[in-house]
Structure formats: C-alpha cells, structure tokens
C-alpha cells in the first residue's frame, strides 16, 4: 500500500469523519472506498460501470435498441 496526503476543507473533512464513524471505519478507509467507487473496475472499460443501470421494462428492448437510445425517427 502506498501512502499519500490529501487536503480537504474543514466542512468536507468533518462530513467524511462523521460518515466514517457511522460506518465504524477510519477516515483513511472511507477515502479509499470513495476513490474505489469513483474509479472504473480493474480490467474493464470505464463505461462498463453503467452497464445494466437502465431498464426499459420491455423484454424485447434489445431488438429496438436504436429507438430506446435515440427515440423515434418521427
């Protein structure tokens, strides 16, 4: 593990400290988790984090993906 230093303004530090305490973890671990959630998963393109987030409710949606993405041509 590498060591680094991060500067936060006081309100952000207090918020991070409060959230970390609520989770029962250190501020350092809270920051590590925040960074991990912002980074793309290892070995996968960054756009993959969005895969599966949008649902149309239509089981046939894969057959009309252009309409879903771009809308009707009308």
PDB file of N, CA and C in Angstrom:
ATOM      1  N   UNK A   1       0.853  -1.172   0.000  1.00  0.00           N
ATOM      2  CA  UNK A   1       0.000   0.000   0.000  1.00  0.00           C
ATOM      3  C   UNK A   1       0.899   1.235   0.000  1.00  0.00           C
ATOM      4  N   UNK A   2       0.547   2.203  -0.809  1.00  0.00           N
ATOM      5  CA  UNK A   2       1.290   3.458  -0.859  1.00  0.00           C
ATOM      6  C   UNK A   2       0.643   4.473   0.068  1.00  0.00           C
ATOM      7  N   UNK A   3       1.445   5.367   0.544  1.00  0.00           N
ATOM      8  CA  UNK A   3       0.950   6.416   1.437  1.00  0.00           C
ATOM      9  C   UNK A   3       0.890   7.720   0.658  1.00  0.00           C
ATOM     10  N   UNK A   4      -0.199   8.480   0.842  1.00  0.00           N
ATOM     11  CA  UNK A   4      -0.348   9.764   0.175  1.00  0.00           C
ATOM     12  C   UNK A   4      -1.003  10.749   1.135  1.00  0.00           C
ATOM     13  N   UNK A   5      -0.973  11.992   0.759  1.00  0.00           N
ATOM     14  CA  UNK A   5      -1.560  13.034   1.591  1.00  0.00           C
ATOM     15  C   UNK A   5      -2.608  13.775   0.773  1.00  0.00           C
ATOM     16  N   UNK A   6      -3.762  14.011   1.379  1.00  0.00           N
ATOM     17  CA  UNK A   6      -4.863  14.708   0.714  1.00  0.00           C
ATOM     18  C   UNK A   6      -5.286  15.868   1.591  1.00  0.00           C
ATOM     19  N   UNK A   7      -5.524  17.009   0.982  1.00  0.00           N
ATOM     20  CA  UNK A   7      -6.005  18.176   1.729  1.00  0.00           C
ATOM     21  C   UNK A   7      -7.501  18.345   1.488  1.00  0.00           C
ATOM     22  N   UNK A   8      -8.260  18.486   2.559  1.00  0.00           N
ATOM     23  CA  UNK A   8      -9.706  18.703   2.484  1.00  0.00           C
ATOM     24  C   UNK A   8     -10.051  19.987   3.203  1.00  0.00           C
ATOM     25  N   UNK A   9     -11.086  20.664   2.733  1.00  0.00           N
ATOM     26  CA  UNK A   9     -11.522  21.817   3.512  1.00  0.00           C
ATOM     27  C   UNK A   9     -12.255  21.290   4.753  1.00  0.00           C
ATOM     28  N   UNK A  10     -12.422  22.149   5.736  1.00  0.00           N
ATOM     29  CA  UNK A  10     -12.947  21.710   7.034  1.00  0.00           C
ATOM     30  C   UNK A  10     -14.336  21.069   6.946  1.00  0.00           C
ATOM     31  N   UNK A  11     -15.282  21.665   6.201  1.00  0.00           N
ATOM     32  CA  UNK A  11     -16.604  21.023   6.127  1.00  0.00           C
ATOM     33  C   UNK A  11     -16.549  19.617   5.503  1.00  0.00           C
ATOM     34  N   UNK A  12     -15.734  19.430   4.463  1.00  0.00           N
ATOM     35  CA  UNK A  12     -15.620  18.118   3.841  1.00  0.00           C
ATOM     36  C   UNK A  12     -14.978  17.121   4.803  1.00  0.00           C
ATOM     37  N   UNK A  13     -13.951  17.550   5.521  1.00  0.00           N
ATOM     38  CA  UNK A  13     -13.298  16.663   6.477  1.00  0.00           C
ATOM     39  C   UNK A  13     -14.270  16.241   7.574  1.00  0.00           C
ATOM     40  N   UNK A  14     -15.028  17.198   8.098  1.00  0.00           N
ATOM     41  CA  UNK A  14     -15.993  16.875   9.162  1.00  0.00           C
ATOM     42  C   UNK A  14     -17.054  15.912   8.658  1.00  0.00           C
ATOM     43  N   UNK A  15     -17.519  16.119   7.427  1.00  0.00           N
ATOM     44  CA  UNK A  15     -18.521  15.213   6.849  1.00  0.00           C
ATOM     45  C   UNK A  15     -17.942  13.810   6.659  1.00  0.00           C
ATOM     46  N   UNK A  16     -16.722  13.737   6.149  1.00  0.00           N
ATOM     47  CA  UNK A  16     -16.078  12.439   5.944  1.00  0.00           C
ATOM     48  C   UNK A  16     -15.852  11.732   7.277  1.00  0.00           C
ATOM     49  N   UNK A  17     -15.431  12.474   8.268  1.00  0.00           N
ATOM     50  CA  UNK A  17     -15.178  11.900   9.590  1.00  0.00           C
ATOM     51  C   UNK A  17     -16.476  11.370  10.203  1.00  0.00           C
ATOM     52  N   UNK A  18     -17.545  12.117  10.032  1.00  0.00           N
ATOM     53  CA  UNK A  18     -18.850  11.705  10.565  1.00  0.00           C
ATOM     54  C   UNK A  18     -19.342  10.432   9.862  1.00  0.00           C
ATOM     55  N   UNK A  19     -19.231  10.391   8.545  1.00  0.00           N
ATOM     56  CA  UNK A  19     -19.663   9.211   7.789  1.00  0.00           C
ATOM     57  C   UNK A  19     -18.804   7.995   8.127  1.00  0.00           C
ATOM     58  N   UNK A  20     -17.503   8.211   8.251  1.00  0.00           N
ATOM     59  CA  UNK A  20     -16.599   7.114   8.606  1.00  0.00           C
ATOM     60  C   UNK A  20     -16.957   6.553   9.977  1.00  0.00           C
ATOM     61  N   UNK A  21     -17.222   7.423  10.920  1.00  0.00           N
ATOM     62  CA  UNK A  21     -17.587   6.986  12.267  1.00  0.00           C
ATOM     63  C   UNK A  21     -18.891   6.191  12.238  1.00  0.00           C
ATOM     64  N   UNK A  22     -19.845   6.639  11.435  1.00  0.00           N
ATOM     65  CA  UNK A  22     -21.121   5.937  11.327  1.00  0.00           C
ATOM     66  C   UNK A  22     -20.935   4.531  10.755  1.00  0.00           C
ATOM     67  N   UNK A  23     -19.943   4.374   9.891  1.00  0.00           N
ATOM     68  CA  UNK A  23     -19.650   3.067   9.302  1.00  0.00           C
ATOM     69  C   UNK A  23     -18.695   2.239  10.157  1.00  0.00           C
ATOM     70  N   UNK A  24     -18.114   2.874  11.183  1.00  0.00           N
ATOM     71  CA  UNK A  24     -17.173   2.179  12.054  1.00  0.00           C
ATOM     72  C   UNK A  24     -15.818   1.957  11.410  1.00  0.00           C
ATOM     73  N   UNK A  25     -15.426   2.889  10.530  1.00  0.00           N
ATOM     74  CA  UNK A  25     -14.137   2.781   9.843  1.00  0.00           C
ATOM     75  C   UNK A  25     -13.368   4.084  10.016  1.00  0.00           C
ATOM     76  N   UNK A  26     -12.100   4.063   9.656  1.00  0.00           N
ATOM     77  CA  UNK A  26     -11.275   5.268   9.739  1.00  0.00           C
ATOM     78  C   UNK A  26     -11.580   6.192   8.565  1.00  0.00           C
ATOM     79  N   UNK A  27     -11.165   7.433   8.696  1.00  0.00           N
ATOM     80  CA  UNK A  27     -11.316   8.382   7.591  1.00  0.00           C
ATOM     81  C   UNK A  27     -10.495   7.904   6.398  1.00  0.00           C
ATOM     82  N   UNK A  28      -9.322   7.359   6.646  1.00  0.00           N
ATOM     83  CA  UNK A  28      -8.486   6.852   5.554  1.00  0.00           C
ATOM     84  C   UNK A  28      -9.215   5.753   4.776  1.00  0.00           C
ATOM     85  N   UNK A  29      -9.843   4.825   5.489  1.00  0.00           N
ATOM     86  CA  UNK A  29     -10.589   3.750   4.815  1.00  0.00           C
ATOM     87  C   UNK A  29     -11.791   4.318   4.072  1.00  0.00           C
ATOM     88  N   UNK A  30     -12.436   5.302   4.656  1.00  0.00           N
ATOM     89  CA  UNK A  30     -13.575   5.952   3.994  1.00  0.00           C
ATOM     90  C   UNK A  30     -13.135   6.590   2.668  1.00  0.00           C
ATOM     91  N   UNK A  31     -11.994   7.266   2.691  1.00  0.00           N
ATOM     92  CA  UNK A  31     -11.470   7.897   1.472  1.00  0.00           C
ATOM     93  C   UNK A  31     -11.069   6.838   0.454  1.00  0.00           C
ATOM     94  N   UNK A  32     -10.435   5.746   0.911  1.00  0.00           N
ATOM     95  CA  UNK A  32     -10.078   4.660  -0.012  1.00  0.00           C
ATOM     96  C   UNK A  32     -11.310   4.108  -0.707  1.00  0.00           C
ATOM     97  N   UNK A  33     -12.374   3.880   0.058  1.00  0.00           N
ATOM     98  CA  UNK A  33     -13.612   3.356  -0.525  1.00  0.00           C
ATOM     99  C   UNK A  33     -14.241   4.351  -1.500  1.00  0.00           C
ATOM    100  N   UNK A  34     -14.189   5.634  -1.160  1.00  0.00           N
ATOM    101  CA  UNK A  34     -14.740   6.653  -2.052  1.00  0.00           C
ATOM    102  C   UNK A  34     -13.987   6.682  -3.372  1.00  0.00           C
ATOM    103  N   UNK A  35     -12.672   6.568  -3.300  1.00  0.00           N
ATOM    104  CA  UNK A  35     -11.856   6.550  -4.518  1.00  0.00           C
ATOM    105  C   UNK A  35     -12.154   5.301  -5.333  1.00  0.00           C
ATOM    106  N   UNK A  36     -12.243   4.159  -4.678  1.00  0.00           N
ATOM    107  CA  UNK A  36     -12.533   2.912  -5.389  1.00  0.00           C
ATOM    108  C   UNK A  36     -13.877   2.970  -6.100  1.00  0.00           C
ATOM    109  N   UNK A  37     -14.860   3.600  -5.479  1.00  0.00           N
ATOM    110  CA  UNK A  37     -16.181   3.670  -6.118  1.00  0.00           C
ATOM    111  C   UNK A  37     -16.183   4.631  -7.305  1.00  0.00           C
ATOM    112  N   UNK A  38     -15.243   5.572  -7.337  1.00  0.00           N
ATOM    113  CA  UNK A  38     -15.167   6.534  -8.442  1.00  0.00           C
ATOM    114  C   UNK A  38     -14.345   6.020  -9.615  1.00  0.00           C
ATOM    115  N   UNK A  39     -13.479   5.045  -9.372  1.00  0.00           N
ATOM    116  CA  UNK A  39     -12.614   4.507 -10.426  1.00  0.00           C
ATOM    117  C   UNK A  39     -13.320   3.404 -11.200  1.00  0.00           C
ATOM    118  N   UNK A  40     -12.950   3.236 -12.474  1.00  0.00           N
ATOM    119  CA  UNK A  40     -13.530   2.115 -13.230  1.00  0.00           C
ATOM    120  C   UNK A  40     -13.019   0.793 -12.670  1.00  0.00           C
ATOM    121  N   UNK A  41     -13.822  -0.256 -12.779  1.00  0.00           N
ATOM    122  CA  UNK A  41     -13.373  -1.565 -12.298  1.00  0.00           C
ATOM    123  C   UNK A  41     -12.100  -1.994 -13.030  1.00  0.00           C
ATOM    124  N   UNK A  42     -11.219  -2.671 -12.346  1.00  0.00           N
ATOM    125  CA  UNK A  42      -9.951  -3.118 -12.935  1.00  0.00           C
ATOM    126  C   UNK A  42     -10.200  -4.045 -14.112  1.00  0.00           C
ATOM    127  N   UNK A  43      -9.482  -3.793 -15.202  1.00  0.00           N
ATOM    128  CA  UNK A  43      -9.552  -4.661 -16.356  1.00  0.00           C
ATOM    129  C   UNK A  43     -10.788  -4.493 -17.220  1.00  0.00           C
ATOM    130  N   UNK A  44     -11.664  -3.573 -16.867  1.00  0.00           N
ATOM    131  CA  UNK A  44     -12.866  -3.352 -17.663  1.00  0.00           C
ATOM    132  C   UNK A  44     -12.930  -1.889 -18.059  1.00  0.00           C
ATOM    133  N   UNK A  45     -13.446  -1.591 -19.247  1.00  0.00           N
ATOM    134  CA  UNK A  45     -13.566  -0.193 -19.676  1.00  0.00           C
ATOM    135  C   UNK A  45     -14.463   0.592 -18.714  1.00  0.00           C
ATOM    136  N   UNK A  46     -14.212   1.893 -18.571  1.00  0.00           N
ATOM    137  CA  UNK A  46     -14.958   2.700 -17.609  1.00  0.00           C
ATOM    138  C   UNK A  46     -16.450   2.739 -17.900  1.00  0.00           C
ATOM    139  N   UNK A  47     -16.847   2.620 -19.183  1.00  0.00           N
ATOM    140  CA  UNK A  47     -18.282   2.668 -19.495  1.00  0.00           C
ATOM    141  C   UNK A  47     -19.018   1.456 -18.950  1.00  0.00           C
ATOM    142  N   UNK A  48     -18.298   0.384 -18.636  1.00  0.00           N
ATOM    143  CA  UNK A  48     -18.948  -0.830 -18.146  1.00  0.00           C
ATOM    144  C   UNK A  48     -19.608  -0.626 -16.779  1.00  0.00           C
ATOM    145  N   UNK A  49     -19.194   0.392 -16.040  1.00  0.00           N
ATOM    146  CA  UNK A  49     -19.823   0.605 -14.738  1.00  0.00           C
ATOM    147  C   UNK A  49     -21.289   0.983 -14.889  1.00  0.00           C
ATOM    148  N   UNK A  50     -21.672   1.431 -16.078  1.00  0.00           N
ATOM    149  CA  UNK A  50     -23.055   1.830 -16.320  1.00  0.00           C
ATOM    150  C   UNK A  50     -23.890   0.707 -16.932  1.00  0.00           C
ATOM    151  N   UNK A  51     -23.271  -0.378 -17.318  1.00  0.00           N
ATOM    152  CA  UNK A  51     -23.993  -1.482 -17.940  1.00  0.00           C
ATOM    153  C   UNK A  51     -25.038  -2.022 -16.977  1.00  0.00           C
ATOM    154  N   UNK A  52     -26.250  -2.144 -17.468  1.00  0.00           N
ATOM    155  CA  UNK A  52     -27.339  -2.686 -16.666  1.00  0.00           C
ATOM    156  C   UNK A  52     -28.050  -1.686 -15.784  1.00  0.00           C
ATOM    157  N   UNK A  53     -27.664  -0.417 -15.818  1.00  0.00           N
ATOM    158  CA  UNK A  53     -28.304   0.572 -14.953  1.00  0.00           C
ATOM    159  C   UNK A  53     -29.650   1.055 -15.483  1.00  0.00           C
ATOM    160  N   UNK A  54     -29.851   0.955 -16.782  1.00  0.00           N
ATOM    161  CA  UNK A  54     -31.086   1.455 -17.376  1.00  0.00           C
ATOM    162  C   UNK A  54     -31.947   0.274 -17.790  1.00  0.00           C
ATOM    163  N   UNK A  55     -33.185   0.285 -17.347  1.00  0.00           N
ATOM    164  CA  UNK A  55     -34.107  -0.770 -17.723  1.00  0.00           C
ATOM    165  C   UNK A  55     -35.312  -0.146 -18.390  1.00  0.00           C
ATOM    166  N   UNK A  56     -35.734  -0.720 -19.492  1.00  0.00           N
ATOM    167  CA  UNK A  56     -36.896  -0.186 -20.200  1.00  0.00           C
ATOM    168  C   UNK A  56     -38.176  -0.865 -19.732  1.00  0.00           C
ATOM    169  N   UNK A  57     -38.065  -2.051 -19.141  1.00  0.00           N
ATOM    170  CA  UNK A  57     -39.244  -2.808 -18.765  1.00  0.00           C
ATOM    171  C   UNK A  57     -39.774  -3.640 -19.926  1.00  0.00           C
ATOM    172  N   UNK A  58     -39.181  -3.476 -21.091  1.00  0.00           N
ATOM    173  CA  UNK A  58     -39.601  -4.201 -22.280  1.00  0.00           C
ATOM    174  C   UNK A  58     -38.625  -5.346 -22.524  1.00  0.00           C
ATOM    175  N   UNK A  59     -39.092  -6.599 -22.423  1.00  0.00           N
ATOM    176  CA  UNK A  59     -38.178  -7.721 -22.633  1.00  0.00           C
ATOM    177  C   UNK A  59     -37.667  -7.819 -24.075  1.00  0.00           C
ATOM    178  N   UNK A  60     -38.278  -7.103 -25.003  1.00  0.00           N
ATOM    179  CA  UNK A  60     -37.860  -7.098 -26.403  1.00  0.00           C
ATOM    180  C   UNK A  60     -36.985  -5.889 -26.731  1.00  0.00           C
ATOM    181  N   UNK A  61     -36.550  -5.149 -25.726  1.00  0.00           N
ATOM    182  CA  UNK A  61     -35.826  -3.898 -25.957  1.00  0.00           C
ATOM    183  C   UNK A  61     -34.539  -4.086 -26.756  1.00  0.00           C
ATOM    184  N   UNK A  62     -33.907  -5.237 -26.650  1.00  0.00           N
ATOM    185  CA  UNK A  62     -32.663  -5.435 -27.404  1.00  0.00           C
ATOM    186  C   UNK A  62     -32.905  -5.444 -28.905  1.00  0.00           C
ATOM    187  N   UNK A  63     -34.134  -5.687 -29.318  1.00  0.00           N
ATOM    188  CA  UNK A  63     -34.465  -5.697 -30.743  1.00  0.00           C
ATOM    189  C   UNK A  63     -34.728  -4.297 -31.277  1.00  0.00           C
ATOM    190  N   UNK A  64     -34.922  -3.341 -30.374  1.00  0.00           N
ATOM    191  CA  UNK A  64     -35.206  -1.973 -30.817  1.00  0.00           C
ATOM    192  C   UNK A  64     -34.316  -0.977 -30.082  1.00  0.00           C
ATOM    193  N   UNK A  65     -33.056  -1.321 -29.921  1.00  0.00           N
ATOM    194  CA  UNK A  65     -32.134  -0.509 -29.129  1.00  0.00           C
ATOM    195  C   UNK A  65     -31.978   0.910 -29.667  1.00  0.00           C
ATOM    196  N   UNK A  66     -32.001   1.065 -31.007  1.00  0.00           N
ATOM    197  CA  UNK A  66     -31.858   2.409 -31.571  1.00  0.00           C
ATOM    198  C   UNK A  66     -33.015   3.307 -31.147  1.00  0.00           C
ATOM    199  N   UNK A  67     -34.223   2.776 -31.130  1.00  0.00           N
ATOM    200  CA  UNK A  67     -35.379   3.569 -30.690  1.00  0.00           C
ATOM    201  C   UNK A  67     -35.241   3.949 -29.224  1.00  0.00           C
ATOM    202  N   UNK A  68     -34.756   3.011 -28.423  1.00  0.00           N
ATOM    203  CA  UNK A  68     -34.615   3.266 -26.993  1.00  0.00           C
ATOM    204  C   UNK A  68     -33.549   4.341 -26.740  1.00  0.00           C
ATOM    205  N   UNK A  69     -32.443   4.245 -27.426  1.00  0.00           N
ATOM    206  CA  UNK A  69     -31.337   5.179 -27.220  1.00  0.00           C
ATOM    207  C   UNK A  69     -31.608   6.534 -27.865  1.00  0.00           C
ATOM    208  N   UNK A  70     -32.067   6.520 -29.125  1.00  0.00           N
ATOM    209  CA  UNK A  70     -32.187   7.766 -29.885  1.00  0.00           C
ATOM    210  C   UNK A  70     -33.621   8.273 -30.012  1.00  0.00           C
ATOM    211  N   UNK A  71     -34.596   7.469 -29.622  1.00  0.00           N
ATOM    212  CA  UNK A  71     -36.000   7.879 -29.751  1.00  0.00           C
ATOM    213  C   UNK A  71     -36.544   7.549 -31.121  1.00  0.00           C
ATOM    214  N   UNK A  72     -37.817   7.829 -31.317  1.00  0.00           N
ATOM    215  CA  UNK A  72     -38.459   7.568 -32.604  1.00  0.00           C
ATOM    216  C   UNK A  72     -37.929   8.513 -33.658  1.00  0.00           C
ATOM    217  N   UNK A  73     -37.968   8.071 -34.916  1.00  0.00           N
ATOM    218  CA  UNK A  73     -37.468   8.873 -36.027  1.00  0.00           C
ATOM    219  C   UNK A  73     -38.485   9.926 -36.461  1.00  0.00           C
ATOM    220  N   UNK A  74     -39.682   9.882 -35.947  1.00  0.00           N
ATOM    221  CA  UNK A  74     -40.736  10.816 -36.362  1.00  0.00           C
ATOM    222  C   UNK A  74     -40.408  12.243 -36.043  1.00  0.00           C
TER     223      UNK A  74
END
